[in-house]
């Protein structure tokens, strides 16, 4: 059986998206059909529309989602129809060299659905990050579904599927923030604010938010920032050092993805401190640092892929914290929108007017 649903499609580079009829097949072996309840509008979806990820147009956009499993294919045992799930784009294989070494969050052979969703004329769609969730129903690999507490709000829970998990994990998993640490976060959009929330959860004593927008710095305070720096008129390196006894922060998280801000993060950390890059650079960007400074400052320079998360471990735990009132996922939801408002949501996101617009089905 084929399901005829409505979805948001990017047909060509830099062209406005459109809501079109999408044909979704029943799940085959190892696949799951999910009725999408909510999906966040993420920068990655805009990158797809702009042709910054690949040129495999047309794309079925959306990936930061939660919903209910409608049907599963043969061999699926981890989820069943009726389960409330968060979709993830790193369904671990369990067999690659990373998985076999006990590091499944680095899995090098993640799974996607085998069958293709199509337009009404049969044109195959490329689902964003192997998910494609700006659609009433989507087909994914069953391993891309993580079962969580069904009492959680779909609009909030779905954000763990990408941006919020990336930020939380950058602090907790990649950065290893712990009790008493000083942490600086450069870039206070959705990912940066999630890193601030993660640092607070981990017990950081001092959390310094850096941005060029006073409005975003106010948002950062709500997620746990103890100090803020507007770097449009202040040297953030000197300011971070001043706030940390002249030493620099134990962990500096760069959530912008630019060489200029990465250099600020590098020089704003304490000796033997850690820099975490979670902001996504463009392919043309390069970085130049004096090698003697890299050697002399010691510590660690890390990149955070999806917050180095393991969905089966992290999603249920974070939803439990949300249900306990210890992690305010609802605060990331700036607005709830309809499917045909995604293009306008991209504009708001580009201008920094929202943390997250979330499509509600």
C-alpha atoms as a PDB file:
ATOM      1  CA  UNK A   1       0.000   0.000   0.000  1.00  0.00           C
ATOM      2  CA  UNK A   2       1.177   3.513  -0.799  1.00  0.00           C
ATOM      3  CA  UNK A   3       0.304   6.448   1.464  1.00  0.00           C
ATOM      4  CA  UNK A   4      -0.468   9.790  -0.216  1.00  0.00           C
ATOM      5  CA  UNK A   5       0.540  12.644   2.091  1.00  0.00           C
ATOM      6  CA  UNK A   6       1.625  16.301   2.020  1.00  0.00           C
ATOM      7  CA  UNK A   7       5.289  17.241   2.417  1.00  0.00           C
ATOM      8  CA  UNK A   8       7.727  20.143   2.021  1.00  0.00           C
ATOM      9  CA  UNK A   9       9.969  19.742  -1.023  1.00  0.00           C
ATOM     10  CA  UNK A  10      12.998  21.715  -2.204  1.00  0.00           C
ATOM     11  CA  UNK A  11      13.103  21.232  -5.970  1.00  0.00           C
ATOM     12  CA  UNK A  12      16.150  23.336  -6.888  1.00  0.00           C
ATOM     13  CA  UNK A  13      19.009  25.299  -5.345  1.00  0.00           C
ATOM     14  CA  UNK A  14      17.937  28.485  -3.558  1.00  0.00           C
ATOM     15  CA  UNK A  15      14.349  28.221  -4.795  1.00  0.00           C
ATOM     16  CA  UNK A  16      11.478  28.593  -2.296  1.00  0.00           C
ATOM     17  CA  UNK A  17      10.165  25.295  -0.967  1.00  0.00           C
ATOM     18  CA  UNK A  18       6.721  24.014  -1.898  1.00  0.00           C
ATOM     19  CA  UNK A  19       4.143  21.757  -0.244  1.00  0.00           C
ATOM     20  CA  UNK A  20       3.534  18.810  -2.564  1.00  0.00           C
ATOM     21  CA  UNK A  21       1.952  15.375  -2.672  1.00  0.00           C
ATOM     22  CA  UNK A  22       4.402  12.718  -1.490  1.00  0.00           C
ATOM     23  CA  UNK A  23       3.954   8.974  -1.940  1.00  0.00           C
ATOM     24  CA  UNK A  24       5.210   6.894   0.980  1.00  0.00           C
ATOM     25  CA  UNK A  25       5.419   3.086   0.690  1.00  0.00           C
ATOM     26  CA  UNK A  26       4.587   0.635   3.436  1.00  0.00           C
ATOM     27  CA  UNK A  27       7.675  -0.365   5.438  1.00  0.00           C
ATOM     28  CA  UNK A  28       9.857  -3.149   4.143  1.00  0.00           C
ATOM     29  CA  UNK A  29      12.304  -5.277   6.162  1.00  0.00           C
ATOM     30  CA  UNK A  30      14.039  -3.193   8.817  1.00  0.00           C
ATOM     31  CA  UNK A  31      11.901  -0.109   8.130  1.00  0.00           C
ATOM     32  CA  UNK A  32       9.249   1.840  10.025  1.00  0.00           C
ATOM     33  CA  UNK A  33       6.409   4.095   8.907  1.00  0.00           C
ATOM     34  CA  UNK A  34       6.011   7.034  11.308  1.00  0.00           C
ATOM     35  CA  UNK A  35       3.125   9.466  11.598  1.00  0.00           C
ATOM     36  CA  UNK A  36       4.925  12.749  12.235  1.00  0.00           C
ATOM     37  CA  UNK A  37       3.463  14.913  15.014  1.00  0.00           C
ATOM     38  CA  UNK A  38       6.029  17.730  15.122  1.00  0.00           C
ATOM     39  CA  UNK A  39       9.200  18.719  13.260  1.00  0.00           C
ATOM     40  CA  UNK A  40      11.575  21.585  14.027  1.00  0.00           C
ATOM     41  CA  UNK A  41      12.895  23.937  11.341  1.00  0.00           C
ATOM     42  CA  UNK A  42      16.671  23.477  11.507  1.00  0.00           C
ATOM     43  CA  UNK A  43      19.526  25.332   9.779  1.00  0.00           C
ATOM     44  CA  UNK A  44      20.474  22.054   8.121  1.00  0.00           C
ATOM     45  CA  UNK A  45      17.194  22.074   6.193  1.00  0.00           C
ATOM     46  CA  UNK A  46      18.044  25.547   4.918  1.00  0.00           C
ATOM     47  CA  UNK A  47      21.502  24.291   3.914  1.00  0.00           C
ATOM     48  CA  UNK A  48      19.823  21.554   1.871  1.00  0.00           C
ATOM     49  CA  UNK A  49      17.562  24.103   0.159  1.00  0.00           C
ATOM     50  CA  UNK A  50      20.605  26.265  -0.605  1.00  0.00           C
ATOM     51  CA  UNK A  51      22.494  23.328  -2.131  1.00  0.00           C
ATOM     52  CA  UNK A  52      25.102  23.425   0.632  1.00  0.00           C
ATOM     53  CA  UNK A  53      24.827  19.723   1.511  1.00  0.00           C
ATOM     54  CA  UNK A  54      24.572  18.072  -1.898  1.00  0.00           C
ATOM     55  CA  UNK A  55      22.914  18.560  -5.265  1.00  0.00           C
ATOM     56  CA  UNK A  56      20.609  15.526  -5.052  1.00  0.00           C
ATOM     57  CA  UNK A  57      17.455  17.558  -5.647  1.00  0.00           C
ATOM     58  CA  UNK A  58      14.549  17.289  -5.064  1.00  0.00           C
ATOM     59  CA  UNK A  59      14.854  17.040  -1.290  1.00  0.00           C
ATOM     60  CA  UNK A  60      12.135  16.103   1.161  1.00  0.00           C
ATOM     61  CA  UNK A  61      13.100  18.437   3.990  1.00  0.00           C
ATOM     62  CA  UNK A  62      12.735  18.060   7.764  1.00  0.00           C
ATOM     63  CA  UNK A  63      14.576  15.793  10.190  1.00  0.00           C
ATOM     64  CA  UNK A  64      14.184  17.132  13.765  1.00  0.00           C
ATOM     65  CA  UNK A  65      11.000  15.246  14.554  1.00  0.00           C
ATOM     66  CA  UNK A  66       8.855  13.168  16.859  1.00  0.00           C
ATOM     67  CA  UNK A  67       5.831  11.042  16.110  1.00  0.00           C
ATOM     68  CA  UNK A  68       4.094   7.698  16.457  1.00  0.00           C
ATOM     69  CA  UNK A  69       5.067   4.460  14.728  1.00  0.00           C
ATOM     70  CA  UNK A  70       2.227   3.398  12.431  1.00  0.00           C
ATOM     71  CA  UNK A  71       3.708   0.214  10.996  1.00  0.00           C
ATOM     72  CA  UNK A  72       6.960  -1.760  10.918  1.00  0.00           C
ATOM     73  CA  UNK A  73       8.497  -4.148   8.431  1.00  0.00           C
ATOM     74  CA  UNK A  74       9.833  -7.644   8.860  1.00  0.00           C
ATOM     75  CA  UNK A  75      12.579  -8.161  11.403  1.00  0.00           C
ATOM     76  CA  UNK A  76      11.853  -5.024  13.434  1.00  0.00           C
ATOM     77  CA  UNK A  77      11.803  -5.737  17.171  1.00  0.00           C
ATOM     78  CA  UNK A  78      12.927  -2.528  18.932  1.00  0.00           C
ATOM     79  CA  UNK A  79       9.805  -0.497  18.133  1.00  0.00           C
ATOM     80  CA  UNK A  80       6.181  -1.391  17.453  1.00  0.00           C
ATOM     81  CA  UNK A  81       3.050   0.331  16.152  1.00  0.00           C
ATOM     82  CA  UNK A  82       1.801   2.851  18.692  1.00  0.00           C
ATOM     83  CA  UNK A  83       5.236   3.716  20.114  1.00  0.00           C
ATOM     84  CA  UNK A  84       6.017   7.416  20.568  1.00  0.00           C
ATOM     85  CA  UNK A  85       9.468   8.001  19.074  1.00  0.00           C
ATOM     86  CA  UNK A  86      12.055  10.661  18.360  1.00  0.00           C
ATOM     87  CA  UNK A  87      13.656  10.315  14.938  1.00  0.00           C
ATOM     88  CA  UNK A  88      17.448  10.318  14.732  1.00  0.00           C
ATOM     89  CA  UNK A  89      19.778  10.491  11.757  1.00  0.00           C
ATOM     90  CA  UNK A  90      22.503   8.212  13.143  1.00  0.00           C
ATOM     91  CA  UNK A  91      21.001   4.738  13.389  1.00  0.00           C
ATOM     92  CA  UNK A  92      24.031   2.741  14.512  1.00  0.00           C
ATOM     93  CA  UNK A  93      24.940  -0.475  12.724  1.00  0.00           C
ATOM     94  CA  UNK A  94      26.607  -2.337  15.605  1.00  0.00           C
ATOM     95  CA  UNK A  95      29.165  -3.909  13.277  1.00  0.00           C
ATOM     96  CA  UNK A  96      31.549  -1.219  11.999  1.00  0.00           C
ATOM     97  CA  UNK A  97      34.970  -0.616  13.533  1.00  0.00           C
ATOM     98  CA  UNK A  98      33.661   2.230  15.737  1.00  0.00           C
ATOM     99  CA  UNK A  99      30.746   0.168  17.062  1.00  0.00           C
ATOM    100  CA  UNK A 100      32.940  -2.878  17.693  1.00  0.00           C
ATOM    101  CA  UNK A 101      35.391  -0.717  19.660  1.00  0.00           C
ATOM    102  CA  UNK A 102      32.574   0.420  21.957  1.00  0.00           C
ATOM    103  CA  UNK A 103      32.170   3.857  20.370  1.00  0.00           C
ATOM    104  CA  UNK A 104      28.822   3.544  18.571  1.00  0.00           C
ATOM    105  CA  UNK A 105      28.259   7.327  18.639  1.00  0.00           C
ATOM    106  CA  UNK A 106      30.947   7.441  15.917  1.00  0.00           C
ATOM    107  CA  UNK A 107      29.236   4.711  13.825  1.00  0.00           C
ATOM    108  CA  UNK A 108      30.601   4.808  10.277  1.00  0.00           C
ATOM    109  CA  UNK A 109      27.782   2.827   8.641  1.00  0.00           C
ATOM    110  CA  UNK A 110      24.507   4.304   9.858  1.00  0.00           C
ATOM    111  CA  UNK A 111      21.236   3.065   8.368  1.00  0.00           C
ATOM    112  CA  UNK A 112      18.504   4.742   6.324  1.00  0.00           C
ATOM    113  CA  UNK A 113      15.354   3.322   4.764  1.00  0.00           C
ATOM    114  CA  UNK A 114      15.997   1.280   1.622  1.00  0.00           C
ATOM    115  CA  UNK A 115      12.798   2.196  -0.206  1.00  0.00           C
ATOM    116  CA  UNK A 116      12.338   5.648  -1.687  1.00  0.00           C
ATOM    117  CA  UNK A 117       9.571   8.149  -1.100  1.00  0.00           C
ATOM    118  CA  UNK A 118       8.523   9.878  -4.327  1.00  0.00           C
ATOM    119  CA  UNK A 119       6.567  12.742  -5.803  1.00  0.00           C
ATOM    120  CA  UNK A 120       3.229  11.933  -7.415  1.00  0.00           C
ATOM    121  CA  UNK A 121       4.920  11.585 -10.839  1.00  0.00           C
ATOM    122  CA  UNK A 122       7.357   8.970  -9.497  1.00  0.00           C
ATOM    123  CA  UNK A 123      10.364  11.299  -9.042  1.00  0.00           C
ATOM    124  CA  UNK A 124      12.475   9.926  -6.201  1.00  0.00           C
ATOM    125  CA  UNK A 125      13.033  12.241  -3.239  1.00  0.00           C
ATOM    126  CA  UNK A 126      16.211  12.617  -1.211  1.00  0.00           C
ATOM    127  CA  UNK A 127      15.141  12.797   2.452  1.00  0.00           C
ATOM    128  CA  UNK A 128      17.067  15.325   4.542  1.00  0.00           C
ATOM    129  CA  UNK A 129      19.584  13.453   6.729  1.00  0.00           C
ATOM    130  CA  UNK A 130      17.908  10.226   5.678  1.00  0.00           C
ATOM    131  CA  UNK A 131      14.649  11.195   7.404  1.00  0.00           C
ATOM    132  CA  UNK A 132      12.484  13.719   5.510  1.00  0.00           C
ATOM    133  CA  UNK A 133      10.006  14.723   8.232  1.00  0.00           C
ATOM    134  CA  UNK A 134       8.265  17.849   6.927  1.00  0.00           C
ATOM    135  CA  UNK A 135       5.599  15.396   5.861  1.00  0.00           C
ATOM    136  CA  UNK A 136       2.527  13.828   7.429  1.00  0.00           C
ATOM    137  CA  UNK A 137       4.082  10.338   7.342  1.00  0.00           C
ATOM    138  CA  UNK A 138       7.675   9.343   6.677  1.00  0.00           C
ATOM    139  CA  UNK A 139       9.560   6.110   6.030  1.00  0.00           C
ATOM    140  CA  UNK A 140      12.780   5.546   7.972  1.00  0.00           C
ATOM    141  CA  UNK A 141      15.052   2.740   9.066  1.00  0.00           C
ATOM    142  CA  UNK A 142      13.644   1.306  12.287  1.00  0.00           C
ATOM    143  CA  UNK A 143      16.925   2.119  14.018  1.00  0.00           C
ATOM    144  CA  UNK A 144      16.205   5.796  13.389  1.00  0.00           C
ATOM    145  CA  UNK A 145      13.294   5.560  15.839  1.00  0.00           C
ATOM    146  CA  UNK A 146      14.042   5.946  19.547  1.00  0.00           C
ATOM    147  CA  UNK A 147      11.157   5.152  21.894  1.00  0.00           C
ATOM    148  CA  UNK A 148      10.615   7.702  24.694  1.00  0.00           C
ATOM    149  CA  UNK A 149       7.989   8.628  27.295  1.00  0.00           C
ATOM    150  CA  UNK A 150       4.738   9.337  25.379  1.00  0.00           C
ATOM    151  CA  UNK A 151       3.784  12.039  27.895  1.00  0.00           C
ATOM    152  CA  UNK A 152       6.448  14.341  26.437  1.00  0.00           C
ATOM    153  CA  UNK A 153       5.337  17.167  24.162  1.00  0.00           C
ATOM    154  CA  UNK A 154       6.103  16.208  20.541  1.00  0.00           C
ATOM    155  CA  UNK A 155       7.160  19.800  19.743  1.00  0.00           C
ATOM    156  CA  UNK A 156       9.767  19.716  22.513  1.00  0.00           C
ATOM    157  CA  UNK A 157      10.836  16.080  22.197  1.00  0.00           C
ATOM    158  CA  UNK A 158      11.506  16.305  18.480  1.00  0.00           C
ATOM    159  CA  UNK A 159      14.190  18.956  19.026  1.00  0.00           C
ATOM    160  CA  UNK A 160      16.430  16.270  20.509  1.00  0.00           C
ATOM    161  CA  UNK A 161      16.507  14.808  17.011  1.00  0.00           C
ATOM    162  CA  UNK A 162      19.126  17.361  15.960  1.00  0.00           C
ATOM    163  CA  UNK A 163      19.955  20.862  17.213  1.00  0.00           C
ATOM    164  CA  UNK A 164      19.233  20.623  20.936  1.00  0.00           C
ATOM    165  CA  UNK A 165      20.947  17.247  21.181  1.00  0.00           C
ATOM    166  CA  UNK A 166      23.948  18.651  19.307  1.00  0.00           C
ATOM    167  CA  UNK A 167      24.347  21.447  21.845  1.00  0.00           C
ATOM    168  CA  UNK A 168      23.643  19.405  24.970  1.00  0.00           C
ATOM    169  CA  UNK A 169      26.016  16.703  23.794  1.00  0.00           C
ATOM    170  CA  UNK A 170      28.751  19.183  22.873  1.00  0.00           C
ATOM    171  CA  UNK A 171      28.894  20.188  26.545  1.00  0.00           C
ATOM    172  CA  UNK A 172      28.199  16.880  28.283  1.00  0.00           C
ATOM    173  CA  UNK A 173      29.544  14.213  25.918  1.00  0.00           C
ATOM    174  CA  UNK A 174      32.244  15.901  23.836  1.00  0.00           C
ATOM    175  CA  UNK A 175      33.394  18.649  26.181  1.00  0.00           C
ATOM    176  CA  UNK A 176      33.124  16.527  29.306  1.00  0.00           C
ATOM    177  CA  UNK A 177      31.909  19.501  31.362  1.00  0.00           C
ATOM    178  CA  UNK A 178      31.745  18.591  35.032  1.00  0.00           C
ATOM    179  CA  UNK A 179      31.142  20.095  38.468  1.00  0.00           C
ATOM    180  CA  UNK A 180      32.848  23.428  39.057  1.00  0.00           C
ATOM    181  CA  UNK A 181      34.044  23.959  35.489  1.00  0.00           C
ATOM    182  CA  UNK A 182      34.078  27.304  33.750  1.00  0.00           C
ATOM    183  CA  UNK A 183      32.459  27.159  30.305  1.00  0.00           C
ATOM    184  CA  UNK A 184      32.200  29.714  27.508  1.00  0.00           C
ATOM    185  CA  UNK A 185      29.778  29.293  24.604  1.00  0.00           C
ATOM    186  CA  UNK A 186      30.328  31.384  21.468  1.00  0.00           C
ATOM    187  CA  UNK A 187      27.126  31.723  19.456  1.00  0.00           C
ATOM    188  CA  UNK A 188      23.797  31.675  21.293  1.00  0.00           C
ATOM    189  CA  UNK A 189      21.314  30.318  18.794  1.00  0.00           C
ATOM    190  CA  UNK A 190      19.459  27.072  19.428  1.00  0.00           C
ATOM    191  CA  UNK A 191      22.589  24.896  19.495  1.00  0.00           C
ATOM    192  CA  UNK A 192      24.584  27.324  21.631  1.00  0.00           C
ATOM    193  CA  UNK A 193      21.750  27.723  24.137  1.00  0.00           C
ATOM    194  CA  UNK A 194      21.451  23.949  24.332  1.00  0.00           C
ATOM    195  CA  UNK A 195      25.176  23.811  25.136  1.00  0.00           C
ATOM    196  CA  UNK A 196      24.555  26.331  27.917  1.00  0.00           C
ATOM    197  CA  UNK A 197      21.705  24.180  29.239  1.00  0.00           C
ATOM    198  CA  UNK A 198      23.985  21.139  29.078  1.00  0.00           C
ATOM    199  CA  UNK A 199      26.740  22.922  30.982  1.00  0.00           C
ATOM    200  CA  UNK A 200      24.250  23.844  33.693  1.00  0.00           C
ATOM    201  CA  UNK A 201      23.008  20.242  33.905  1.00  0.00           C
ATOM    202  CA  UNK A 202      26.617  19.073  34.289  1.00  0.00           C
ATOM    203  CA  UNK A 203      27.229  21.421  37.216  1.00  0.00           C
ATOM    204  CA  UNK A 204      29.413  24.118  35.639  1.00  0.00           C
ATOM    205  CA  UNK A 205      30.110  26.931  38.092  1.00  0.00           C
ATOM    206  CA  UNK A 206      30.508  29.708  35.528  1.00  0.00           C
ATOM    207  CA  UNK A 207      28.807  29.752  32.123  1.00  0.00           C
ATOM    208  CA  UNK A 208      29.723  32.633  29.819  1.00  0.00           C
ATOM    209  CA  UNK A 209      27.531  33.349  26.791  1.00  0.00           C
ATOM    210  CA  UNK A 210      29.051  35.227  23.824  1.00  0.00           C
ATOM    211  CA  UNK A 211      27.108  36.688  20.916  1.00  0.00           C
ATOM    212  CA  UNK A 212      26.694  39.910  18.919  1.00  0.00           C
ATOM    213  CA  UNK A 213      22.941  40.124  19.593  1.00  0.00           C
ATOM    214  CA  UNK A 214      21.729  41.364  23.001  1.00  0.00           C
ATOM    215  CA  UNK A 215      18.395  39.632  22.436  1.00  0.00           C
ATOM    216  CA  UNK A 216      20.117  36.266  22.109  1.00  0.00           C
ATOM    217  CA  UNK A 217      22.210  36.959  25.184  1.00  0.00           C
ATOM    218  CA  UNK A 218      19.013  37.500  27.159  1.00  0.00           C
ATOM    219  CA  UNK A 219      17.739  34.139  25.907  1.00  0.00           C
ATOM    220  CA  UNK A 220      21.034  32.577  26.994  1.00  0.00           C
ATOM    221  CA  UNK A 221      20.489  33.752  30.572  1.00  0.00           C
ATOM    222  CA  UNK A 222      17.250  31.799  30.642  1.00  0.00           C
ATOM    223  CA  UNK A 223      19.114  28.595  29.813  1.00  0.00           C
ATOM    224  CA  UNK A 224      21.727  29.063  32.525  1.00  0.00           C
ATOM    225  CA  UNK A 225      24.334  31.612  31.438  1.00  0.00           C
ATOM    226  CA  UNK A 226      25.832  33.315  34.475  1.00  0.00           C
ATOM    227  CA  UNK A 227      27.616  36.011  32.441  1.00  0.00           C
ATOM    228  CA  UNK A 228      27.160  37.472  28.959  1.00  0.00           C
ATOM    229  CA  UNK A 229      29.509  39.210  26.511  1.00  0.00           C
ATOM    230  CA  UNK A 230      28.400  41.167  23.451  1.00  0.00           C
ATOM    231  CA  UNK A 231      31.401  40.604  21.190  1.00  0.00           C
ATOM    232  CA  UNK A 232      30.335  43.261  18.681  1.00  0.00           C
ATOM    233  CA  UNK A 233      32.045  45.867  20.844  1.00  0.00           C
ATOM    234  CA  UNK A 234      34.154  43.828  23.263  1.00  0.00           C
ATOM    235  CA  UNK A 235      37.111  41.506  22.746  1.00  0.00           C
ATOM    236  CA  UNK A 236      35.570  38.192  23.855  1.00  0.00           C
ATOM    237  CA  UNK A 237      38.942  36.553  24.559  1.00  0.00           C
ATOM    238  CA  UNK A 238      39.983  39.268  26.994  1.00  0.00           C
ATOM    239  CA  UNK A 239      36.507  39.353  28.545  1.00  0.00           C
ATOM    240  CA  UNK A 240      36.408  35.577  29.077  1.00  0.00           C
ATOM    241  CA  UNK A 241      39.878  35.675  30.613  1.00  0.00           C
ATOM    242  CA  UNK A 242      38.834  38.482  32.932  1.00  0.00           C
ATOM    243  CA  UNK A 243      35.823  36.452  34.096  1.00  0.00           C
ATOM    244  CA  UNK A 244      37.998  33.401  34.791  1.00  0.00           C
ATOM    245  CA  UNK A 245      40.773  34.882  36.890  1.00  0.00           C
ATOM    246  CA  UNK A 246      42.923  35.723  33.866  1.00  0.00           C
ATOM    247  CA  UNK A 247      43.155  32.056  32.844  1.00  0.00           C
ATOM    248  CA  UNK A 248      40.470  31.359  30.280  1.00  0.00           C
ATOM    249  CA  UNK A 249      37.611  28.861  30.447  1.00  0.00           C
ATOM    250  CA  UNK A 250      38.031  25.149  31.070  1.00  0.00           C
ATOM    251  CA  UNK A 251      35.781  24.366  28.108  1.00  0.00           C
ATOM    252  CA  UNK A 252      34.955  26.699  25.206  1.00  0.00           C
ATOM    253  CA  UNK A 253      32.197  25.624  22.829  1.00  0.00           C
ATOM    254  CA  UNK A 254      32.126  27.236  19.377  1.00  0.00           C
ATOM    255  CA  UNK A 255      28.566  27.094  18.048  1.00  0.00           C
ATOM    256  CA  UNK A 256      28.963  29.388  15.025  1.00  0.00           C
ATOM    257  CA  UNK A 257      31.224  27.478  12.651  1.00  0.00           C
ATOM    258  CA  UNK A 258      33.515  30.267  11.459  1.00  0.00           C
ATOM    259  CA  UNK A 259      37.329  30.575  11.518  1.00  0.00           C
ATOM    260  CA  UNK A 260      37.170  33.911  13.360  1.00  0.00           C
ATOM    261  CA  UNK A 261      35.068  32.584  16.205  1.00  0.00           C
ATOM    262  CA  UNK A 262      37.047  29.348  16.353  1.00  0.00           C
ATOM    263  CA  UNK A 263      40.225  31.352  16.926  1.00  0.00           C
ATOM    264  CA  UNK A 264      38.461  33.231  19.688  1.00  0.00           C
ATOM    265  CA  UNK A 265      37.515  29.901  21.275  1.00  0.00           C
ATOM    266  CA  UNK A 266      41.094  28.633  20.937  1.00  0.00           C
ATOM    267  CA  UNK A 267      42.637  31.602  22.726  1.00  0.00           C
ATOM    268  CA  UNK A 268      39.799  31.970  25.266  1.00  0.00           C
ATOM    269  CA  UNK A 269      40.403  28.553  26.871  1.00  0.00           C
ATOM    270  CA  UNK A 270      42.646  27.860  29.819  1.00  0.00           C
ATOM    271  CA  UNK A 271      45.965  26.035  29.354  1.00  0.00           C
ATOM    272  CA  UNK A 272      45.179  22.346  28.850  1.00  0.00           C
ATOM    273  CA  UNK A 273      41.538  23.317  28.352  1.00  0.00           C
ATOM    274  CA  UNK A 274      39.173  21.986  25.706  1.00  0.00           C
ATOM    275  CA  UNK A 275      37.735  23.580  22.575  1.00  0.00           C
ATOM    276  CA  UNK A 276      34.627  21.973  21.091  1.00  0.00           C
ATOM    277  CA  UNK A 277      33.526  22.846  17.556  1.00  0.00           C
ATOM    278  CA  UNK A 278      29.815  22.163  17.120  1.00  0.00           C
ATOM    279  CA  UNK A 279      29.024  24.998  14.685  1.00  0.00           C
ATOM    280  CA  UNK A 280      29.019  23.715  11.101  1.00  0.00           C
ATOM    281  CA  UNK A 281      31.459  25.477   8.719  1.00  0.00           C
ATOM    282  CA  UNK A 282      30.972  25.776   4.981  1.00  0.00           C
ATOM    283  CA  UNK A 283      33.220  23.774   2.605  1.00  0.00           C
ATOM    284  CA  UNK A 284      35.261  26.829   1.581  1.00  0.00           C
ATOM    285  CA  UNK A 285      36.378  27.794   5.095  1.00  0.00           C
ATOM    286  CA  UNK A 286      39.972  27.265   6.240  1.00  0.00           C
ATOM    287  CA  UNK A 287      41.701  27.761   9.579  1.00  0.00           C
ATOM    288  CA  UNK A 288      45.236  28.959  10.253  1.00  0.00           C
ATOM    289  CA  UNK A 289      46.806  28.795  13.729  1.00  0.00           C
ATOM    290  CA  UNK A 290      50.448  29.046  14.801  1.00  0.00           C
ATOM    291  CA  UNK A 291      51.538  25.469  15.371  1.00  0.00           C
ATOM    292  CA  UNK A 292      53.623  26.567  18.338  1.00  0.00           C
ATOM    293  CA  UNK A 293      50.442  27.893  19.990  1.00  0.00           C
ATOM    294  CA  UNK A 294      48.663  24.594  19.361  1.00  0.00           C
ATOM    295  CA  UNK A 295      51.580  22.800  21.015  1.00  0.00           C
ATOM    296  CA  UNK A 296      52.164  25.278  23.793  1.00  0.00           C
ATOM    297  CA  UNK A 297      48.579  25.580  24.984  1.00  0.00           C
ATOM    298  CA  UNK A 298      48.058  21.814  25.228  1.00  0.00           C
ATOM    299  CA  UNK A 299      44.598  20.488  25.954  1.00  0.00           C
ATOM    300  CA  UNK A 300      42.187  19.198  23.338  1.00  0.00           C
ATOM    301  CA  UNK A 301      40.630  20.482  20.132  1.00  0.00           C
ATOM    302  CA  UNK A 302      37.499  18.466  19.404  1.00  0.00           C
ATOM    303  CA  UNK A 303      34.669  18.374  16.915  1.00  0.00           C
ATOM    304  CA  UNK A 304      31.232  17.295  18.112  1.00  0.00           C
ATOM    305  CA  UNK A 305      29.188  15.181  15.710  1.00  0.00           C
ATOM    306  CA  UNK A 306      25.530  15.255  16.739  1.00  0.00           C
ATOM    307  CA  UNK A 307      26.711  15.926  20.285  1.00  0.00           C
ATOM    308  CA  UNK A 308      28.507  12.551  20.201  1.00  0.00           C
ATOM    309  CA  UNK A 309      25.151  11.140  21.251  1.00  0.00           C
ATOM    310  CA  UNK A 310      23.885   7.596  21.355  1.00  0.00           C
ATOM    311  CA  UNK A 311      20.139   8.055  20.826  1.00  0.00           C
ATOM    312  CA  UNK A 312      19.120   4.863  22.617  1.00  0.00           C
ATOM    313  CA  UNK A 313      21.053   6.031  25.687  1.00  0.00           C
ATOM    314  CA  UNK A 314      20.613   9.802  25.586  1.00  0.00           C
ATOM    315  CA  UNK A 315      17.091  10.490  24.297  1.00  0.00           C
ATOM    316  CA  UNK A 316      15.165   8.615  27.037  1.00  0.00           C
ATOM    317  CA  UNK A 317      17.421  10.076  29.735  1.00  0.00           C
ATOM    318  CA  UNK A 318      16.962  13.644  28.495  1.00  0.00           C
ATOM    319  CA  UNK A 319      13.206  13.196  28.149  1.00  0.00           C
ATOM    320  CA  UNK A 320      13.129  11.987  31.765  1.00  0.00           C
ATOM    321  CA  UNK A 321      14.958  15.176  32.806  1.00  0.00           C
ATOM    322  CA  UNK A 322      12.452  17.192  30.784  1.00  0.00           C
ATOM    323  CA  UNK A 323       9.537  15.428  32.480  1.00  0.00           C
ATOM    324  CA  UNK A 324      11.128  16.136  35.879  1.00  0.00           C
ATOM    325  CA  UNK A 325      11.362  19.853  35.087  1.00  0.00           C
ATOM    326  CA  UNK A 326      15.170  19.830  35.039  1.00  0.00           C
ATOM    327  CA  UNK A 327      15.577  20.449  31.291  1.00  0.00           C
ATOM    328  CA  UNK A 328      13.299  23.073  29.764  1.00  0.00           C
ATOM    329  CA  UNK A 329      12.932  21.847  26.194  1.00  0.00           C
ATOM    330  CA  UNK A 330       9.739  23.883  25.777  1.00  0.00           C
ATOM    331  CA  UNK A 331      11.805  27.083  26.051  1.00  0.00           C
ATOM    332  CA  UNK A 332      13.478  26.283  22.718  1.00  0.00           C
ATOM    333  CA  UNK A 333      10.115  26.345  20.894  1.00  0.00           C
ATOM    334  CA  UNK A 334       9.668  29.943  19.704  1.00  0.00           C
ATOM    335  CA  UNK A 335       6.571  29.305  17.594  1.00  0.00           C
ATOM    336  CA  UNK A 336       4.343  26.526  16.341  1.00  0.00           C
ATOM    337  CA  UNK A 337       3.574  26.719  12.628  1.00  0.00           C
ATOM    338  CA  UNK A 338       1.766  24.894   9.834  1.00  0.00           C
ATOM    339  CA  UNK A 339       3.409  22.909   7.061  1.00  0.00           C
ATOM    340  CA  UNK A 340       2.985  25.692   4.506  1.00  0.00           C
ATOM    341  CA  UNK A 341       4.855  28.193   6.736  1.00  0.00           C
ATOM    342  CA  UNK A 342       8.289  26.544   6.488  1.00  0.00           C
ATOM    343  CA  UNK A 343       9.629  29.034   3.931  1.00  0.00           C
ATOM    344  CA  UNK A 344       8.751  31.994   6.146  1.00  0.00           C
ATOM    345  CA  UNK A 345      10.296  30.155   9.101  1.00  0.00           C
ATOM    346  CA  UNK A 346      13.587  29.960   7.180  1.00  0.00           C
ATOM    347  CA  UNK A 347      13.531  33.753   6.886  1.00  0.00           C
ATOM    348  CA  UNK A 348      12.904  34.201  10.620  1.00  0.00           C
ATOM    349  CA  UNK A 349      15.689  31.757  11.429  1.00  0.00           C
ATOM    350  CA  UNK A 350      18.127  33.512   9.087  1.00  0.00           C
ATOM    351  CA  UNK A 351      17.393  36.836  10.794  1.00  0.00           C
ATOM    352  CA  UNK A 352      17.799  35.342  14.270  1.00  0.00           C
ATOM    353  CA  UNK A 353      14.194  36.035  15.248  1.00  0.00           C
ATOM    354  CA  UNK A 354      13.543  32.539  16.645  1.00  0.00           C
ATOM    355  CA  UNK A 355      15.303  29.683  18.403  1.00  0.00           C
ATOM    356  CA  UNK A 356      13.057  27.111  16.768  1.00  0.00           C
ATOM    357  CA  UNK A 357       9.944  27.219  14.654  1.00  0.00           C
ATOM    358  CA  UNK A 358       8.210  23.857  14.948  1.00  0.00           C
ATOM    359  CA  UNK A 359       5.766  22.433  12.406  1.00  0.00           C
ATOM    360  CA  UNK A 360       2.770  20.861  14.151  1.00  0.00           C
ATOM    361  CA  UNK A 361       0.731  18.266  12.285  1.00  0.00           C
END
